[in-house]
Amino acid sequence: MKIQKGCIILLIFLWGCSTTIAGSNSFLYSTPSAQERAKFKDYIKKGYIELGMTKEEVRTSWGEPKSIKQKKTNGYDEIWIYVPNWKFKDQMYFKKGVLVRTDPDYLVVSRMEGHGILP
C-alpha cells in the first residue's frame, strides 16, 4: 500500500514537472488583436520583441539578424539567428512570416499577463 501511494505521488510530481518544462518554451499562438498590435509599436521603440510580430516588426526592433535559416524545420519557415555577444545566440522562429517562438524563451514581452522578462 505504501509503495502504491509513493508511486502515485512520484507520478504526479513527474507529470507536474514535465508539464512545466514543456510549457516554459511553448506558446499557444493566436493572432494579435488590434490593441496588441498597437502595443507592438511601443515595444519596437523600446527594442522589445513579442510573439505575433511580423518579420518586419522584429527587424525594425532588433535590426538585421546575423544569419537566416530558410529551410523548413519542425514546421518553422525561417529561423533568424542573432548573436548579441560571443557567448550567447538568440533564435527567432517564424511561421508564415510571424514570430511564433524564441530561444531562449524569455526574450519576448509575453502577452500572457504577468509573465515574461523585459530584455
C-alpha atoms as a PDB file:
ATOM      1  CA  MET A   1       0.000   0.000   0.000  1.00  0.00           C
ATOM      2  CA  LYS A   2       2.799   2.443   0.893  1.00  0.00           C
ATOM      3  CA  ILE A   3       4.588   1.587  -2.350  1.00  0.00           C
ATOM      4  CA  GLN A   4       1.435   2.351  -4.392  1.00  0.00           C
ATOM      5  CA  LYS A   5       0.976   5.714  -2.670  1.00  0.00           C
ATOM      6  CA  GLY A   6       4.640   6.507  -3.232  1.00  0.00           C
ATOM      7  CA  CYS A   7       4.375   5.618  -6.913  1.00  0.00           C
ATOM      8  CA  ILE A   8       1.257   7.756  -7.329  1.00  0.00           C
ATOM      9  CA  ILE A   9       2.909  10.728  -5.641  1.00  0.00           C
ATOM     10  CA  LEU A  10       6.022  10.257  -7.792  1.00  0.00           C
ATOM     11  CA  LEU A  11       3.937  10.085 -10.982  1.00  0.00           C
ATOM     12  CA  ILE A  12       2.033  13.242 -10.037  1.00  0.00           C
ATOM     13  CA  PHE A  13       5.305  15.014  -9.287  1.00  0.00           C
ATOM     14  CA  LEU A  14       6.883  13.907 -12.570  1.00  0.00           C
ATOM     15  CA  TRP A  15       3.762  14.849 -14.530  1.00  0.00           C
ATOM     16  CA  GLY A  16       3.792  18.310 -12.964  1.00  0.00           C
ATOM     17  CA  CYS A  17       7.484  18.764 -13.795  1.00  0.00           C
ATOM     18  CA  SER A  18       7.061  17.649 -17.382  1.00  0.00           C
ATOM     19  CA  THR A  19       4.125  19.996 -17.841  1.00  0.00           C
ATOM     20  CA  THR A  20       6.180  22.893 -16.501  1.00  0.00           C
ATOM     21  CA  ILE A  21       9.158  22.092 -18.695  1.00  0.00           C
ATOM     22  CA  ALA A  22       7.073  21.696 -21.838  1.00  0.00           C
ATOM     23  CA  GLY A  23       5.085  24.833 -21.095  1.00  0.00           C
ATOM     24  CA  SER A  24       8.111  27.001 -20.403  1.00  0.00           C
ATOM     25  CA  ASN A  25       9.193  27.176 -24.029  1.00  0.00           C
ATOM     26  CA  SER A  26       5.857  26.890 -25.765  1.00  0.00           C
ATOM     27  CA  PHE A  27       3.176  29.407 -26.553  1.00  0.00           C
ATOM     28  CA  LEU A  28      -0.285  28.880 -27.939  1.00  0.00           C
ATOM     29  CA  TYR A  29      -0.114  31.365 -30.757  1.00  0.00           C
ATOM     30  CA  SER A  30      -3.135  33.458 -31.540  1.00  0.00           C
ATOM     31  CA  THR A  31      -3.481  36.342 -33.942  1.00  0.00           C
ATOM     32  CA  PRO A  32      -2.750  39.592 -32.097  1.00  0.00           C
ATOM     33  CA  SER A  33      -5.707  41.880 -31.536  1.00  0.00           C
ATOM     34  CA  ALA A  34      -5.708  45.471 -32.800  1.00  0.00           C
ATOM     35  CA  GLN A  35      -4.904  46.587 -29.246  1.00  0.00           C
ATOM     36  CA  GLU A  36      -1.916  44.230 -29.047  1.00  0.00           C
ATOM     37  CA  ARG A  37      -0.751  45.375 -32.479  1.00  0.00           C
ATOM     38  CA  ALA A  38      -0.727  48.958 -31.177  1.00  0.00           C
ATOM     39  CA  LYS A  39       1.426  47.829 -28.224  1.00  0.00           C
ATOM     40  CA  PHE A  40       3.896  46.320 -30.690  1.00  0.00           C
ATOM     41  CA  LYS A  41       4.714  49.816 -31.966  1.00  0.00           C
ATOM     42  CA  ASP A  42       5.667  50.835 -28.427  1.00  0.00           C
ATOM     43  CA  TYR A  43       7.682  47.637 -27.951  1.00  0.00           C
ATOM     44  CA  ILE A  44       9.583  48.278 -31.187  1.00  0.00           C
ATOM     45  CA  LYS A  45      10.575  51.759 -29.976  1.00  0.00           C
ATOM     46  CA  LYS A  46      11.987  50.149 -26.814  1.00  0.00           C
ATOM     47  CA  GLY A  47      13.783  47.371 -28.695  1.00  0.00           C
ATOM     48  CA  TYR A  48      11.496  44.594 -27.433  1.00  0.00           C
ATOM     49  CA  ILE A  49      10.068  41.694 -29.389  1.00  0.00           C
ATOM     50  CA  GLU A  50       6.812  39.799 -28.932  1.00  0.00           C
ATOM     51  CA  LEU A  51       5.292  36.637 -30.277  1.00  0.00           C
ATOM     52  CA  GLY A  52       2.913  37.524 -33.082  1.00  0.00           C
ATOM     53  CA  MET A  53       5.154  40.222 -34.546  1.00  0.00           C
ATOM     54  CA  THR A  54       5.867  40.091 -38.268  1.00  0.00           C
ATOM     55  CA  LYS A  55       9.373  39.744 -39.675  1.00  0.00           C
ATOM     56  CA  GLU A  56       9.348  43.438 -40.494  1.00  0.00           C
ATOM     57  CA  GLU A  57       8.452  44.357 -36.914  1.00  0.00           C
ATOM     58  CA  VAL A  58      11.206  42.146 -35.490  1.00  0.00           C
ATOM     59  CA  ARG A  59      13.723  43.564 -37.982  1.00  0.00           C
ATOM     60  CA  THR A  60      12.698  47.120 -37.056  1.00  0.00           C
ATOM     61  CA  SER A  61      13.074  46.346 -33.342  1.00  0.00           C
ATOM     62  CA  TRP A  62      16.295  44.281 -33.375  1.00  0.00           C
ATOM     63  CA  GLY A  63      17.865  45.019 -36.759  1.00  0.00           C
ATOM     64  CA  GLU A  64      19.204  42.519 -39.261  1.00  0.00           C
ATOM     65  CA  PRO A  65      19.906  39.013 -37.944  1.00  0.00           C
ATOM     66  CA  LYS A  66      23.413  37.588 -38.229  1.00  0.00           C
ATOM     67  CA  SER A  67      22.032  34.708 -40.290  1.00  0.00           C
ATOM     68  CA  ILE A  68      18.757  33.248 -41.527  1.00  0.00           C
ATOM     69  CA  LYS A  69      17.994  29.545 -41.969  1.00  0.00           C
ATOM     70  CA  GLN A  70      15.306  29.231 -44.614  1.00  0.00           C
ATOM     71  CA  LYS A  71      14.737  25.516 -44.615  1.00  0.00           C
ATOM     72  CA  LYS A  72      11.560  24.209 -43.035  1.00  0.00           C
ATOM     73  CA  THR A  73      12.425  22.751 -39.638  1.00  0.00           C
ATOM     74  CA  ASN A  74       9.805  21.398 -37.235  1.00  0.00           C
ATOM     75  CA  GLY A  75       7.122  23.408 -39.019  1.00  0.00           C
ATOM     76  CA  TYR A  76       9.047  26.690 -38.957  1.00  0.00           C
ATOM     77  CA  ASP A  77       9.613  28.507 -42.259  1.00  0.00           C
ATOM     78  CA  GLU A  78      12.621  30.531 -41.091  1.00  0.00           C
ATOM     79  CA  ILE A  79      14.910  30.746 -38.112  1.00  0.00           C
ATOM     80  CA  TRP A  80      16.663  34.053 -37.543  1.00  0.00           C
ATOM     81  CA  ILE A  81      19.843  33.998 -35.502  1.00  0.00           C
ATOM     82  CA  TYR A  82      21.113  36.982 -33.538  1.00  0.00           C
ATOM     83  CA  VAL A  83      24.458  36.877 -31.728  1.00  0.00           C
ATOM     84  CA  PRO A  84      24.436  39.613 -29.069  1.00  0.00           C
ATOM     85  CA  ASN A  85      27.871  38.598 -27.806  1.00  0.00           C
ATOM     86  CA  TRP A  86      30.425  35.830 -28.183  1.00  0.00           C
ATOM     87  CA  LYS A  87      28.778  33.643 -25.535  1.00  0.00           C
ATOM     88  CA  PHE A  88      25.094  33.657 -26.476  1.00  0.00           C
ATOM     89  CA  LYS A  89      22.905  33.047 -29.502  1.00  0.00           C
ATOM     90  CA  ASP A  90      19.271  34.198 -29.791  1.00  0.00           C
ATOM     91  CA  GLN A  91      16.978  32.467 -32.261  1.00  0.00           C
ATOM     92  CA  MET A  92      13.646  33.677 -33.660  1.00  0.00           C
ATOM     93  CA  TYR A  93      11.307  31.095 -35.201  1.00  0.00           C
ATOM     94  CA  PHE A  94       8.838  32.230 -37.870  1.00  0.00           C
ATOM     95  CA  LYS A  95       5.802  30.559 -39.421  1.00  0.00           C
ATOM     96  CA  LYS A  96       4.234  32.275 -42.411  1.00  0.00           C
ATOM     97  CA  GLY A  97       6.128  35.480 -41.637  1.00  0.00           C
ATOM     98  CA  VAL A  98       5.048  35.664 -37.972  1.00  0.00           C
ATOM     99  CA  LEU A  99       7.219  35.194 -34.866  1.00  0.00           C
ATOM    100  CA  VAL A 100       5.913  32.119 -33.027  1.00  0.00           C
ATOM    101  CA  ARG A 101       8.845  31.110 -30.777  1.00  0.00           C
ATOM    102  CA  THR A 102      12.155  32.359 -29.432  1.00  0.00           C
ATOM    103  CA  ASP A 103      15.114  30.581 -27.928  1.00  0.00           C
ATOM    104  CA  PRO A 104      15.750  31.397 -25.168  1.00  0.00           C
ATOM    105  CA  ASP A 105      12.075  31.878 -24.463  1.00  0.00           C
ATOM    106  CA  TYR A 106      12.481  34.854 -22.092  1.00  0.00           C
ATOM    107  CA  LEU A 107      13.350  37.194 -24.974  1.00  0.00           C
ATOM    108  CA  VAL A 108       9.735  38.171 -25.577  1.00  0.00           C
ATOM    109  CA  VAL A 109       7.474  40.521 -23.675  1.00  0.00           C
ATOM    110  CA  SER A 110       4.784  37.967 -23.005  1.00  0.00           C
ATOM    111  CA  ARG A 111       1.189  38.686 -23.943  1.00  0.00           C
ATOM    112  CA  MET A 112       0.142  36.499 -21.036  1.00  0.00           C
ATOM    113  CA  GLU A 113      -0.444  38.889 -18.150  1.00  0.00           C
ATOM    114  CA  GLY A 114       2.250  38.759 -15.511  1.00  0.00           C
ATOM    115  CA  HIS A 115       4.724  36.629 -17.451  1.00  0.00           C
ATOM    116  CA  GLY A 116       7.864  37.388 -19.398  1.00  0.00           C
ATOM    117  CA  ILE A 117      11.003  39.329 -18.717  1.00  0.00           C
ATOM    118  CA  LEU A 118      11.757  42.594 -20.428  1.00  0.00           C
ATOM    119  CA  PRO A 119      15.067  42.465 -22.290  1.00  0.00           C
END
